[in-house]
Amino acid sequence: MTPDGRYLIVRGRLWRRANPALPEETRRRLVSELMAARREVGRALRAGDAGPLRAARRRVNEAKIALGERGPPWWSDGAPDENRRLIASTSYARWYGALCGEEGPAP
């Protein structure tokens, strides 16, 4: 996780975390909706059914937006959203390089 708590790092890429200001009950409900929608995506893929697949993917996207993982950033300090970018090309590159014992790129 980045020091500011905004992103998780997976295979060298930043992934935006859910908004930590969400009430716990809301977060739980949205995660439940997200998991149900992901199961629907899997069922639709296995069935080869394009209509339900589109609907399920739309539900996944809506849940991720509601959680704060997509859509407008949930922070308000004006920092850019670096979601889905390779960490080496972000403002976190030096921090991550130092964390991993490597020299980060020049500023």
C-alpha atoms as a PDB file:
ATOM      1  CA  MET A   1       0.000   0.000   0.000  1.00  0.00           C
ATOM      2  CA  THR A   2       1.262   3.513  -0.742  1.00  0.00           C
ATOM      3  CA  PRO A   3       2.138   5.696   2.258  1.00  0.00           C
ATOM      4  CA  ASP A   4      -0.944   7.882   1.746  1.00  0.00           C
ATOM      5  CA  GLY A   5      -3.233   4.827   1.654  1.00  0.00           C
ATOM      6  CA  ARG A   6      -4.646   5.633  -1.771  1.00  0.00           C
ATOM      7  CA  TYR A   7      -3.348   2.666  -3.743  1.00  0.00           C
ATOM      8  CA  LEU A   8      -2.432  -0.988  -3.535  1.00  0.00           C
ATOM      9  CA  ILE A   9       0.504  -2.149  -5.598  1.00  0.00           C
ATOM     10  CA  VAL A  10      -0.022  -5.310  -7.602  1.00  0.00           C
ATOM     11  CA  ARG A  11       2.714  -6.532  -9.960  1.00  0.00           C
ATOM     12  CA  GLY A  12       4.191  -3.035 -10.201  1.00  0.00           C
ATOM     13  CA  ARG A  13       0.888  -1.298 -10.933  1.00  0.00           C
ATOM     14  CA  LEU A  14      -1.165   1.060  -8.750  1.00  0.00           C
ATOM     15  CA  TRP A  15      -4.774   0.118  -8.017  1.00  0.00           C
ATOM     16  CA  ARG A  16      -6.965   2.628  -6.205  1.00  0.00           C
ATOM     17  CA  ARG A  17      -8.251   1.541  -2.813  1.00  0.00           C
ATOM     18  CA  ALA A  18     -11.798   1.991  -1.624  1.00  0.00           C
ATOM     19  CA  ASN A  19     -12.621   5.258   0.078  1.00  0.00           C
ATOM     20  CA  PRO A  20     -11.664   4.816   3.751  1.00  0.00           C
ATOM     21  CA  ALA A  21     -14.298   7.382   4.766  1.00  0.00           C
ATOM     22  CA  LEU A  22     -17.144   5.051   3.745  1.00  0.00           C
ATOM     23  CA  PRO A  23     -19.135   3.806   6.737  1.00  0.00           C
ATOM     24  CA  GLU A  24     -18.293   0.160   7.439  1.00  0.00           C
ATOM     25  CA  GLU A  25     -21.842  -1.061   6.769  1.00  0.00           C
ATOM     26  CA  THR A  26     -21.926   0.751   3.415  1.00  0.00           C
ATOM     27  CA  ARG A  27     -18.532  -0.651   2.469  1.00  0.00           C
ATOM     28  CA  ARG A  28     -19.650  -4.190   3.365  1.00  0.00           C
ATOM     29  CA  ARG A  29     -22.843  -3.857   1.330  1.00  0.00           C
ATOM     30  CA  LEU A  30     -20.956  -2.512  -1.698  1.00  0.00           C
ATOM     31  CA  VAL A  31     -18.308  -5.249  -1.505  1.00  0.00           C
ATOM     32  CA  SER A  32     -21.102  -7.816  -1.358  1.00  0.00           C
ATOM     33  CA  GLU A  33     -22.707  -6.265  -4.448  1.00  0.00           C
ATOM     34  CA  LEU A  34     -19.333  -6.239  -6.214  1.00  0.00           C
ATOM     35  CA  MET A  35     -18.702  -9.921  -5.492  1.00  0.00           C
ATOM     36  CA  ALA A  36     -22.200 -10.889  -6.635  1.00  0.00           C
ATOM     37  CA  ALA A  37     -21.712  -8.945  -9.869  1.00  0.00           C
ATOM     38  CA  ARG A  38     -18.336 -10.622 -10.441  1.00  0.00           C
ATOM     39  CA  ARG A  39     -19.981 -14.031 -10.023  1.00  0.00           C
ATOM     40  CA  GLU A  40     -22.584 -12.973 -12.606  1.00  0.00           C
ATOM     41  CA  VAL A  41     -19.779 -12.000 -14.995  1.00  0.00           C
ATOM     42  CA  GLY A  42     -18.314 -15.490 -14.623  1.00  0.00           C
ATOM     43  CA  ARG A  43     -21.662 -17.185 -15.214  1.00  0.00           C
ATOM     44  CA  ALA A  44     -22.334 -15.057 -18.293  1.00  0.00           C
ATOM     45  CA  LEU A  45     -18.855 -15.753 -19.681  1.00  0.00           C
ATOM     46  CA  ARG A  46     -19.279 -19.499 -19.209  1.00  0.00           C
ATOM     47  CA  ALA A  47     -22.711 -19.335 -20.864  1.00  0.00           C
ATOM     48  CA  GLY A  48     -21.451 -17.147 -23.710  1.00  0.00           C
ATOM     49  CA  ASP A  49     -24.360 -14.778 -23.099  1.00  0.00           C
ATOM     50  CA  ALA A  50     -23.521 -11.230 -24.230  1.00  0.00           C
ATOM     51  CA  GLY A  51     -26.569  -9.412 -22.800  1.00  0.00           C
ATOM     52  CA  PRO A  52     -26.195 -10.630 -19.216  1.00  0.00           C
ATOM     53  CA  LEU A  53     -22.422 -10.158 -19.484  1.00  0.00           C
ATOM     54  CA  ARG A  54     -22.845  -6.455 -20.311  1.00  0.00           C
ATOM     55  CA  ALA A  55     -25.311  -6.040 -17.439  1.00  0.00           C
ATOM     56  CA  ALA A  56     -23.012  -7.818 -14.972  1.00  0.00           C
ATOM     57  CA  ARG A  57     -19.985  -5.769 -16.023  1.00  0.00           C
ATOM     58  CA  ARG A  58     -22.064  -2.613 -15.627  1.00  0.00           C
ATOM     59  CA  ARG A  59     -22.921  -3.707 -12.058  1.00  0.00           C
ATOM     60  CA  VAL A  60     -19.230  -4.346 -11.321  1.00  0.00           C
ATOM     61  CA  ASN A  61     -18.364  -0.866 -12.567  1.00  0.00           C
ATOM     62  CA  GLU A  62     -21.159   0.772 -10.558  1.00  0.00           C
ATOM     63  CA  ALA A  63     -20.029  -0.981  -7.354  1.00  0.00           C
ATOM     64  CA  LYS A  64     -16.396   0.034  -7.939  1.00  0.00           C
ATOM     65  CA  ILE A  65     -17.435   3.652  -8.500  1.00  0.00           C
ATOM     66  CA  ALA A  66     -19.547   3.604  -5.330  1.00  0.00           C
ATOM     67  CA  LEU A  67     -16.588   2.164  -3.383  1.00  0.00           C
ATOM     68  CA  GLY A  68     -14.297   4.880  -4.758  1.00  0.00           C
ATOM     69  CA  GLU A  69     -12.068   2.488  -6.684  1.00  0.00           C
ATOM     70  CA  ARG A  70     -13.112   4.123  -9.972  1.00  0.00           C
ATOM     71  CA  GLY A  71     -14.586   7.460 -10.924  1.00  0.00           C
ATOM     72  CA  PRO A  72     -13.568  10.739  -9.334  1.00  0.00           C
ATOM     73  CA  PRO A  73     -10.817  10.452  -6.704  1.00  0.00           C
ATOM     74  CA  TRP A  74     -12.075  10.323  -3.124  1.00  0.00           C
ATOM     75  CA  TRP A  75      -9.281  12.572  -1.835  1.00  0.00           C
ATOM     76  CA  SER A  76      -9.537  16.349  -1.997  1.00  0.00           C
ATOM     77  CA  ASP A  77      -5.948  17.621  -1.902  1.00  0.00           C
ATOM     78  CA  GLY A  78      -5.702  18.009  -5.675  1.00  0.00           C
ATOM     79  CA  ALA A  79      -3.254  15.112  -6.185  1.00  0.00           C
ATOM     80  CA  PRO A  80      -3.736  13.435  -9.556  1.00  0.00           C
ATOM     81  CA  ASP A  81      -5.346  10.040  -9.881  1.00  0.00           C
ATOM     82  CA  GLU A  82      -2.642   7.546 -10.880  1.00  0.00           C
ATOM     83  CA  ASN A  83      -4.916   4.504 -10.858  1.00  0.00           C
ATOM     84  CA  ARG A  84      -3.837   1.568 -13.035  1.00  0.00           C
ATOM     85  CA  ARG A  85      -0.486   3.146 -13.927  1.00  0.00           C
ATOM     86  CA  LEU A  86       2.835   1.377 -13.639  1.00  0.00           C
ATOM     87  CA  ILE A  87       4.407   2.588 -10.419  1.00  0.00           C
ATOM     88  CA  ALA A  88       7.672   3.397 -12.215  1.00  0.00           C
ATOM     89  CA  SER A  89       5.895   6.180 -14.120  1.00  0.00           C
ATOM     90  CA  THR A  90       4.133   7.750 -11.114  1.00  0.00           C
ATOM     91  CA  SER A  91       4.917  10.098  -8.265  1.00  0.00           C
ATOM     92  CA  TYR A  92       5.441   6.987  -6.094  1.00  0.00           C
ATOM     93  CA  ALA A  93       8.392   5.667  -8.140  1.00  0.00           C
ATOM     94  CA  ARG A  94      11.177   6.902  -5.837  1.00  0.00           C
ATOM     95  CA  TRP A  95       9.391   5.755  -2.696  1.00  0.00           C
ATOM     96  CA  TYR A  96       8.805   2.309  -4.184  1.00  0.00           C
ATOM     97  CA  GLY A  97      12.368   2.061  -5.477  1.00  0.00           C
ATOM     98  CA  ALA A  98      13.714   2.876  -2.006  1.00  0.00           C
ATOM     99  CA  LEU A  99      11.314   0.388  -0.454  1.00  0.00           C
ATOM    100  CA  CYS A 100      12.553  -2.316  -2.792  1.00  0.00           C
ATOM    101  CA  GLY A 101      16.189  -1.344  -2.294  1.00  0.00           C
ATOM    102  CA  GLU A 102      16.519   0.102  -5.765  1.00  0.00           C
ATOM    103  CA  GLU A 103      17.290   3.602  -6.872  1.00  0.00           C
ATOM    104  CA  GLY A 104      14.205   5.340  -8.170  1.00  0.00           C
ATOM    105  CA  PRO A 105      14.170   7.368 -11.402  1.00  0.00           C
ATOM    106  CA  ALA A 106      15.473  10.899 -11.473  1.00  0.00           C
ATOM    107  CA  PRO A 107      12.879  13.599 -10.699  1.00  0.00           C
END
